[in-house]
Amino acid sequence: IAETENQIVGYLSLERGAFRRIHHT
């Protein structure tokens, strides 16, 4: 999260591949 002026103003999420063959993504 990006926080400024005592509020969250942005975010970035990363979700890993759930299965072994794509766990590197």
PDB file of all heavy atoms in Angstrom:
ATOM      1  N   ILE A   1       0.835  -1.190   0.000  1.00  0.00           N
ATOM      2  CA  ILE A   1       0.000   0.000   0.000  1.00  0.00           C
ATOM      3  C   ILE A   1       0.873   1.244   0.000  1.00  0.00           C
ATOM      4  O   ILE A   1       1.985   1.254   0.531  1.00  0.00           O
ATOM      5  CB  ILE A   1      -0.992   0.015   1.176  1.00  0.00           C
ATOM      6  CG1 ILE A   1      -0.281  -0.097   2.519  1.00  0.00           C
ATOM      7  CG2 ILE A   1      -2.037  -1.069   1.014  1.00  0.00           C
ATOM      8  CD1 ILE A   1      -1.196   0.092   3.724  1.00  0.00           C
ATOM      9  N   ALA A   2       0.328   2.289  -0.620  1.00  0.00           N
ATOM     10  CA  ALA A   2       0.947   3.615  -0.609  1.00  0.00           C
ATOM     11  C   ALA A   2       0.122   4.477   0.335  1.00  0.00           C
ATOM     12  O   ALA A   2      -1.094   4.591   0.172  1.00  0.00           O
ATOM     13  CB  ALA A   2       0.953   4.209  -2.012  1.00  0.00           C
ATOM     14  N   GLU A   3       0.803   5.027   1.299  1.00  0.00           N
ATOM     15  CA  GLU A   3       0.126   5.799   2.345  1.00  0.00           C
ATOM     16  C   GLU A   3       0.677   7.214   2.353  1.00  0.00           C
ATOM     17  O   GLU A   3       1.895   7.403   2.374  1.00  0.00           O
ATOM     18  CB  GLU A   3       0.426   5.119   3.683  1.00  0.00           C
ATOM     19  CG  GLU A   3      -0.642   5.150   4.683  1.00  0.00           C
ATOM     20  CD  GLU A   3      -0.295   4.274   5.882  1.00  0.00           C
ATOM     21  OE1 GLU A   3       0.881   4.034   6.176  1.00  0.00           O
ATOM     22  OE2 GLU A   3      -1.245   3.845   6.526  1.00  0.00           O
ATOM     23  N   THR A   4      -0.213   8.183   2.327  1.00  0.00           N
ATOM     24  CA  THR A   4       0.188   9.580   2.456  1.00  0.00           C
ATOM     25  C   THR A   4      -0.970  10.354   3.069  1.00  0.00           C
ATOM     26  O   THR A   4      -2.120   9.935   2.964  1.00  0.00           O
ATOM     27  CB  THR A   4       0.609  10.188   1.095  1.00  0.00           C
ATOM     28  OG1 THR A   4       1.230  11.442   1.310  1.00  0.00           O
ATOM     29  CG2 THR A   4      -0.552  10.341   0.139  1.00  0.00           C
ATOM     30  N   GLU A   5      -0.651  11.435   3.724  1.00  0.00           N
ATOM     31  CA  GLU A   5      -1.680  12.262   4.360  1.00  0.00           C
ATOM     32  C   GLU A   5      -2.608  11.416   5.241  1.00  0.00           C
ATOM     33  O   GLU A   5      -3.821  11.597   5.258  1.00  0.00           O
ATOM     34  CB  GLU A   5      -2.476  13.031   3.291  1.00  0.00           C
ATOM     35  CG  GLU A   5      -1.603  13.947   2.466  1.00  0.00           C
ATOM     36  CD  GLU A   5      -2.343  14.586   1.297  1.00  0.00           C
ATOM     37  OE1 GLU A   5      -3.579  14.408   1.165  1.00  0.00           O
ATOM     38  OE2 GLU A   5      -1.685  15.269   0.513  1.00  0.00           O
ATOM     39  N   ASN A   6      -2.035  10.432   5.925  1.00  0.00           N
ATOM     40  CA  ASN A   6      -2.759   9.541   6.844  1.00  0.00           C
ATOM     41  C   ASN A   6      -3.872   8.734   6.171  1.00  0.00           C
ATOM     42  O   ASN A   6      -4.861   8.397   6.812  1.00  0.00           O
ATOM     43  CB  ASN A   6      -3.329  10.323   8.037  1.00  0.00           C
ATOM     44  CG  ASN A   6      -2.232  10.861   8.918  1.00  0.00           C
ATOM     45  OD1 ASN A   6      -1.233  10.194   9.157  1.00  0.00           O
ATOM     46  ND2 ASN A   6      -2.406  12.084   9.372  1.00  0.00           N
ATOM     47  N   GLN A   7      -3.688   8.438   4.886  1.00  0.00           N
ATOM     48  CA  GLN A   7      -4.665   7.589   4.208  1.00  0.00           C
ATOM     49  C   GLN A   7      -3.962   6.720   3.171  1.00  0.00           C
ATOM     50  O   GLN A   7      -2.892   7.058   2.678  1.00  0.00           O
ATOM     51  CB  GLN A   7      -5.772   8.413   3.551  1.00  0.00           C
ATOM     52  CG  GLN A   7      -5.297   9.275   2.406  1.00  0.00           C
ATOM     53  CD  GLN A   7      -6.447   9.928   1.656  1.00  0.00           C
ATOM     54  OE1 GLN A   7      -7.556   9.415   1.637  1.00  0.00           O
ATOM     55  NE2 GLN A   7      -6.180  11.053   1.035  1.00  0.00           N
ATOM     56  N   ILE A   8      -4.603   5.603   2.860  1.00  0.00           N
ATOM     57  CA  ILE A   8      -4.096   4.739   1.797  1.00  0.00           C
ATOM     58  C   ILE A   8      -4.568   5.326   0.474  1.00  0.00           C
ATOM     59  O   ILE A   8      -5.769   5.518   0.271  1.00  0.00           O
ATOM     60  CB  ILE A   8      -4.597   3.290   1.971  1.00  0.00           C
ATOM     61  CG1 ILE A   8      -4.116   2.714   3.302  1.00  0.00           C
ATOM     62  CG2 ILE A   8      -4.128   2.421   0.812  1.00  0.00           C
ATOM     63  CD1 ILE A   8      -4.689   1.347   3.621  1.00  0.00           C
ATOM     64  N   VAL A   9      -3.621   5.629  -0.417  1.00  0.00           N
ATOM     65  CA  VAL A   9      -3.958   6.296  -1.676  1.00  0.00           C
ATOM     66  C   VAL A   9      -3.704   5.410  -2.896  1.00  0.00           C
ATOM     67  O   VAL A   9      -4.026   5.785  -4.014  1.00  0.00           O
ATOM     68  CB  VAL A   9      -3.205   7.634  -1.820  1.00  0.00           C
ATOM     69  CG1 VAL A   9      -3.590   8.578  -0.682  1.00  0.00           C
ATOM     70  CG2 VAL A   9      -1.698   7.425  -1.879  1.00  0.00           C
ATOM     71  N   GLY A  10      -3.115   4.244  -2.666  1.00  0.00           N
ATOM     72  CA  GLY A  10      -2.853   3.333  -3.768  1.00  0.00           C
ATOM     73  C   GLY A  10      -2.410   1.982  -3.241  1.00  0.00           C
ATOM     74  O   GLY A  10      -2.090   1.837  -2.059  1.00  0.00           O
ATOM     75  N   TYR A  11      -2.446   1.002  -4.159  1.00  0.00           N
ATOM     76  CA  TYR A  11      -2.009  -0.340  -3.770  1.00  0.00           C
ATOM     77  C   TYR A  11      -1.495  -1.081  -4.985  1.00  0.00           C
ATOM     78  O   TYR A  11      -1.741  -0.709  -6.132  1.00  0.00           O
ATOM     79  CB  TYR A  11      -3.147  -1.122  -3.117  1.00  0.00           C
ATOM     80  CG  TYR A  11      -4.140  -1.721  -4.097  1.00  0.00           C
ATOM     81  CD1 TYR A  11      -4.045  -3.064  -4.483  1.00  0.00           C
ATOM     82  CD2 TYR A  11      -5.144  -0.955  -4.658  1.00  0.00           C
ATOM     83  CE1 TYR A  11      -4.940  -3.609  -5.388  1.00  0.00           C
ATOM     84  CE2 TYR A  11      -6.046  -1.501  -5.551  1.00  0.00           C
ATOM     85  CZ  TYR A  11      -5.939  -2.820  -5.919  1.00  0.00           C
ATOM     86  OH  TYR A  11      -6.815  -3.358  -6.818  1.00  0.00           O
ATOM     87  N   LEU A  12      -0.791  -2.141  -4.707  1.00  0.00           N
ATOM     88  CA  LEU A  12      -0.349  -3.081  -5.729  1.00  0.00           C
ATOM     89  C   LEU A  12      -0.428  -4.462  -5.109  1.00  0.00           C
ATOM     90  O   LEU A  12       0.107  -4.672  -4.018  1.00  0.00           O
ATOM     91  CB  LEU A  12       1.083  -2.771  -6.161  1.00  0.00           C
ATOM     92  CG  LEU A  12       1.649  -3.621  -7.293  1.00  0.00           C
ATOM     93  CD1 LEU A  12       2.648  -2.821  -8.123  1.00  0.00           C
ATOM     94  CD2 LEU A  12       2.259  -4.899  -6.804  1.00  0.00           C
ATOM     95  N   SER A  13      -1.116  -5.374  -5.773  1.00  0.00           N
ATOM     96  CA  SER A  13      -1.185  -6.738  -5.254  1.00  0.00           C
ATOM     97  C   SER A  13      -0.499  -7.687  -6.226  1.00  0.00           C
ATOM     98  O   SER A  13      -0.516  -7.483  -7.437  1.00  0.00           O
ATOM     99  CB  SER A  13      -2.635  -7.173  -5.012  1.00  0.00           C
ATOM    100  OG  SER A  13      -3.316  -7.357  -6.223  1.00  0.00           O
ATOM    101  N   LEU A  14       0.114  -8.690  -5.640  1.00  0.00           N
ATOM    102  CA  LEU A  14       0.765  -9.757  -6.396  1.00  0.00           C
ATOM    103  C   LEU A  14       0.196 -11.072  -5.878  1.00  0.00           C
ATOM    104  O   LEU A  14       0.261 -11.333  -4.679  1.00  0.00           O
ATOM    105  CB  LEU A  14       2.282  -9.756  -6.163  1.00  0.00           C
ATOM    106  CG  LEU A  14       3.049  -8.529  -6.610  1.00  0.00           C
ATOM    107  CD1 LEU A  14       4.463  -8.561  -6.052  1.00  0.00           C
ATOM    108  CD2 LEU A  14       3.070  -8.424  -8.124  1.00  0.00           C
ATOM    109  N   GLU A  15      -0.367 -11.856  -6.776  1.00  0.00           N
ATOM    110  CA  GLU A  15      -0.895 -13.151  -6.376  1.00  0.00           C
ATOM    111  C   GLU A  15      -0.160 -14.237  -7.137  1.00  0.00           C
ATOM    112  O   GLU A  15      -0.151 -14.272  -8.360  1.00  0.00           O
ATOM    113  CB  GLU A  15      -2.397 -13.262  -6.635  1.00  0.00           C
ATOM    114  CG  GLU A  15      -2.967 -14.540  -6.067  1.00  0.00           C
ATOM    115  CD  GLU A  15      -4.484 -14.571  -6.051  1.00  0.00           C
ATOM    116  OE1 GLU A  15      -5.111 -13.524  -6.258  1.00  0.00           O
ATOM    117  OE2 GLU A  15      -5.026 -15.667  -5.817  1.00  0.00           O
ATOM    118  N   ARG A  16       0.458 -15.116  -6.366  1.00  0.00           N
ATOM    119  CA  ARG A  16       1.279 -16.188  -6.915  1.00  0.00           C
ATOM    120  C   ARG A  16       0.418 -17.270  -7.551  1.00  0.00           C
ATOM    121  O   ARG A  16      -0.673 -17.555  -7.081  1.00  0.00           O
ATOM    122  CB  ARG A  16       2.098 -16.784  -5.777  1.00  0.00           C
ATOM    123  CG  ARG A  16       3.148 -17.745  -6.200  1.00  0.00           C
ATOM    124  CD  ARG A  16       4.003 -18.157  -5.012  1.00  0.00           C
ATOM    125  NE  ARG A  16       5.365 -18.228  -5.497  1.00  0.00           N
ATOM    126  CZ  ARG A  16       6.429 -17.993  -4.790  1.00  0.00           C
ATOM    127  NH1 ARG A  16       6.323 -17.656  -3.528  1.00  0.00           N
ATOM    128  NH2 ARG A  16       7.619 -18.091  -5.311  1.00  0.00           N
ATOM    129  N   GLY A  17       0.939 -17.878  -8.627  1.00  0.00           N
ATOM    130  CA  GLY A  17       0.262 -19.008  -9.250  1.00  0.00           C
ATOM    131  C   GLY A  17       0.037 -20.110  -8.224  1.00  0.00           C
ATOM    132  O   GLY A  17       0.946 -20.475  -7.471  1.00  0.00           O
ATOM    133  N   ALA A  18      -1.159 -20.657  -8.178  1.00  0.00           N
ATOM    134  CA  ALA A  18      -1.538 -21.597  -7.120  1.00  0.00           C
ATOM    135  C   ALA A  18      -0.971 -23.000  -7.315  1.00  0.00           C
ATOM    136  O   ALA A  18      -0.835 -23.743  -6.346  1.00  0.00           O
ATOM    137  CB  ALA A  18      -3.058 -21.675  -7.035  1.00  0.00           C
ATOM    138  N   PHE A  19      -0.638 -23.358  -8.536  1.00  0.00           N
ATOM    139  CA  PHE A  19      -0.195 -24.722  -8.814  1.00  0.00           C
ATOM    140  C   PHE A  19       1.303 -24.751  -9.067  1.00  0.00           C
ATOM    141  O   PHE A  19       1.910 -23.763  -9.467  1.00  0.00           O
ATOM    142  CB  PHE A  19      -0.968 -25.281 -10.014  1.00  0.00           C
ATOM    143  CG  PHE A  19      -2.459 -25.216  -9.802  1.00  0.00           C
ATOM    144  CD1 PHE A  19      -3.225 -24.257 -10.437  1.00  0.00           C
ATOM    145  CD2 PHE A  19      -3.085 -26.092  -8.919  1.00  0.00           C
ATOM    146  CE1 PHE A  19      -4.588 -24.174 -10.228  1.00  0.00           C
ATOM    147  CE2 PHE A  19      -4.450 -26.021  -8.700  1.00  0.00           C
ATOM    148  CZ  PHE A  19      -5.203 -25.056  -9.353  1.00  0.00           C
ATOM    149  N   ARG A  20       1.927 -25.914  -8.819  1.00  0.00           N
ATOM    150  CA  ARG A  20       3.386 -26.028  -8.912  1.00  0.00           C
ATOM    151  C   ARG A  20       3.939 -25.532 -10.245  1.00  0.00           C
ATOM    152  O   ARG A  20       4.975 -24.886 -10.286  1.00  0.00           O
ATOM    153  CB  ARG A  20       3.820 -27.471  -8.686  1.00  0.00           C
ATOM    154  CG  ARG A  20       3.984 -27.777  -7.200  1.00  0.00           C
ATOM    155  CD  ARG A  20       4.392 -29.192  -6.996  1.00  0.00           C
ATOM    156  NE  ARG A  20       3.124 -29.857  -6.634  1.00  0.00           N
ATOM    157  CZ  ARG A  20       2.931 -31.141  -6.587  1.00  0.00           C
ATOM    158  NH1 ARG A  20       3.893 -31.963  -6.885  1.00  0.00           N
ATOM    159  NH2 ARG A  20       1.777 -31.631  -6.224  1.00  0.00           N
ATOM    160  N   ARG A  21       3.248 -25.828 -11.320  1.00  0.00           N
ATOM    161  CA  ARG A  21       3.771 -25.464 -12.641  1.00  0.00           C
ATOM    162  C   ARG A  21       3.740 -23.961 -12.913  1.00  0.00           C
ATOM    163  O   ARG A  21       4.414 -23.498 -13.833  1.00  0.00           O
ATOM    164  CB  ARG A  21       3.002 -26.209 -13.734  1.00  0.00           C
ATOM    165  CG  ARG A  21       3.310 -27.687 -13.710  1.00  0.00           C
ATOM    166  CD  ARG A  21       2.630 -28.416 -14.820  1.00  0.00           C
ATOM    167  NE  ARG A  21       3.019 -29.831 -14.776  1.00  0.00           N
ATOM    168  CZ  ARG A  21       2.562 -30.736 -15.607  1.00  0.00           C
ATOM    169  NH1 ARG A  21       1.717 -30.406 -16.567  1.00  0.00           N
ATOM    170  NH2 ARG A  21       2.965 -31.977 -15.497  1.00  0.00           N
ATOM    171  N   ILE A  22       2.984 -23.224 -12.144  1.00  0.00           N
ATOM    172  CA  ILE A  22       2.949 -21.767 -12.321  1.00  0.00           C
ATOM    173  C   ILE A  22       3.279 -21.019 -11.025  1.00  0.00           C
ATOM    174  O   ILE A  22       3.024 -19.823 -10.898  1.00  0.00           O
ATOM    175  CB  ILE A  22       1.592 -21.295 -12.893  1.00  0.00           C
ATOM    176  CG1 ILE A  22       0.432 -21.705 -11.989  1.00  0.00           C
ATOM    177  CG2 ILE A  22       1.408 -21.766 -14.324  1.00  0.00           C
ATOM    178  CD1 ILE A  22      -0.902 -21.063 -12.335  1.00  0.00           C
ATOM    179  N   HIS A  23       3.858 -21.708 -10.067  1.00  0.00           N
ATOM    180  CA  HIS A  23       4.178 -21.097  -8.773  1.00  0.00           C
ATOM    181  C   HIS A  23       5.288 -20.050  -8.889  1.00  0.00           C
ATOM    182  O   HIS A  23       5.471 -19.239  -7.981  1.00  0.00           O
ATOM    183  CB  HIS A  23       4.560 -22.187  -7.762  1.00  0.00           C
ATOM    184  CG  HIS A  23       4.477 -21.745  -6.346  1.00  0.00           C
ATOM    185  ND1 HIS A  23       3.284 -21.361  -5.739  1.00  0.00           N
ATOM    186  CD2 HIS A  23       5.427 -21.607  -5.400  1.00  0.00           C
ATOM    187  CE1 HIS A  23       3.519 -21.017  -4.500  1.00  0.00           C
ATOM    188  NE2 HIS A  23       4.797 -21.152  -4.264  1.00  0.00           N
ATOM    189  N   HIS A  24       5.978 -20.022 -10.003  1.00  0.00           N
ATOM    190  CA  HIS A  24       7.050 -19.045 -10.235  1.00  0.00           C
ATOM    191  C   HIS A  24       6.513 -17.753 -10.836  1.00  0.00           C
ATOM    192  O   HIS A  24       7.272 -16.835 -11.134  1.00  0.00           O
ATOM    193  CB  HIS A  24       8.112 -19.639 -11.168  1.00  0.00           C
ATOM    194  CG  HIS A  24       7.583 -19.918 -12.541  1.00  0.00           C
ATOM    195  ND1 HIS A  24       6.743 -20.988 -12.812  1.00  0.00           N
ATOM    196  CD2 HIS A  24       7.751 -19.251 -13.707  1.00  0.00           C
ATOM    197  CE1 HIS A  24       6.426 -20.968 -14.101  1.00  0.00           C
ATOM    198  NE2 HIS A  24       7.017 -19.922 -14.665  1.00  0.00           N
ATOM    199  N   THR A  25       5.179 -17.647 -11.011  1.00  0.00           N
ATOM    200  CA  THR A  25       4.567 -16.461 -11.600  1.00  0.00           C
ATOM    201  C   THR A  25       3.689 -15.738 -10.576  1.00  0.00           C
ATOM    202  O   THR A  25       3.205 -16.340  -9.622  1.00  0.00           O
ATOM    203  CB  THR A  25       3.673 -16.820 -12.814  1.00  0.00           C
ATOM    204  OG1 THR A  25       2.532 -17.541 -12.348  1.00  0.00           O
ATOM    205  CG2 THR A  25       4.419 -17.641 -13.838  1.00  0.00           C
TER     206      THR A  25
END
